[in-house]
Structure formats: structure tokens, C-alpha cells
Amino acid sequence: MTNIQATGTNELIGTDPAKLAPALARLMAGQWKKGAIPPLWDGKAAERIVQHLERVLGRNAQFPQR
């Protein structure tokens, strides 16, 4: 199982208008979640995927042409 750590700041409030005011109050009071850039969010996902596929399938794997 993968260990997932929350680093985003989004929060689902839902459709109940009464929940909006308390959420905005927390935001304005500086009590909102602190965000961070997720690990491996470096623009190199494609390179890692190719490296993994090469390890799993072998460097000489033939892929269908488009």
C-alpha cells in the first residue's frame, strides 16, 4: 500500500451554505491548512515512468507505433 501524505490546501465544504461562513472565518484567521509542494512534483514524471517501464519490460521492448 502507498503512503499518501496530504499537502494540498483544498477543502471540500459541500453544498450546505451554512458551512461556508465558518470555513471562510478559519481562512481569514490564518487557521487554514499550510500547503507544500508534493514529493516528486518536479516535472520529471515521464522520465521516471520510462525508467520503470524499461526495468519491468526490458530496454529493448517494442511498443506499438501510432
Protein backbone atom coordinates (compact mmCIF):
# COMPACT_ATOMS: atom_id res chain seq x y z
CA MET A 1 0.00 0.00 0.00
CA THR A 2 1.23 3.51 -0.81
CA ASN A 3 1.60 6.02 2.00
CA ILE A 4 -0.19 9.19 0.86
CA GLN A 5 0.51 12.42 2.68
CA ALA A 6 -1.83 15.38 2.21
CA THR A 7 0.00 18.51 1.13
CA GLY A 8 -2.76 20.46 -0.60
CA THR A 9 -4.89 23.26 0.74
CA ASN A 10 -8.20 22.46 -0.92
CA GLU A 11 -11.07 21.51 1.33
CA LEU A 12 -14.47 20.30 0.22
CA ILE A 13 -17.12 22.30 2.04
CA GLY A 14 -20.12 20.67 0.43
CA THR A 15 -23.34 22.24 -0.72
CA ASP A 16 -24.61 23.46 2.64
CA PRO A 17 -24.31 27.29 2.59
CA ALA A 18 -24.11 27.33 6.40
CA LYS A 19 -20.69 25.63 6.22
CA LEU A 20 -19.17 28.37 4.08
CA ALA A 21 -19.03 31.13 6.72
CA PRO A 22 -17.09 29.05 9.31
CA ALA A 23 -14.65 27.90 6.63
CA LEU A 24 -14.05 31.48 5.50
CA ALA A 25 -13.61 32.57 9.12
CA ARG A 26 -10.89 29.92 9.61
CA LEU A 27 -9.20 31.05 6.40
CA MET A 28 -9.22 34.73 7.36
CA ALA A 29 -7.97 33.92 10.87
CA GLY A 30 -4.94 32.16 9.40
CA GLN A 31 -6.11 28.75 10.59
CA TRP A 32 -6.18 27.15 7.13
CA LYS A 33 -4.01 24.26 6.06
CA LYS A 34 -0.45 25.06 5.08
CA GLY A 35 0.34 23.74 1.62
CA ALA A 36 3.56 22.28 0.32
CA ILE A 37 4.85 21.01 -2.98
CA PRO A 38 4.28 17.22 -3.08
CA PRO A 39 7.35 14.99 -3.28
CA LEU A 40 8.42 14.18 -6.84
CA TRP A 41 6.41 17.10 -8.25
CA ASP A 42 9.40 18.12 -10.28
CA GLY A 43 8.23 17.78 -13.89
CA LYS A 44 10.12 14.52 -14.36
CA ALA A 45 7.28 12.01 -14.01
CA ALA A 46 7.56 10.90 -17.66
CA GLU A 47 11.26 10.14 -17.22
CA ARG A 48 10.54 8.05 -14.11
CA ILE A 49 7.75 6.19 -15.90
CA VAL A 50 10.03 5.36 -18.84
CA GLN A 51 12.79 4.19 -16.49
CA HIS A 52 10.33 1.96 -14.65
CA LEU A 53 8.94 0.50 -17.88
CA GLU A 54 12.47 -0.20 -19.08
CA ARG A 55 13.21 -2.06 -15.83
CA VAL A 56 9.98 -4.04 -15.99
CA LEU A 57 9.80 -4.71 -19.74
CA GLY A 58 13.46 -4.51 -20.66
CA ARG A 59 15.28 -1.81 -22.59
CA ASN A 60 14.54 -3.41 -25.96
CA ALA A 61 10.77 -3.66 -25.51
CA GLN A 62 8.84 -2.88 -28.67
CA PHE A 63 5.91 -0.53 -28.34
CA PRO A 64 3.17 -0.23 -30.99
CA GLN A 65 3.60 2.69 -33.38
CA ARG A 66 0.80 5.22 -33.69
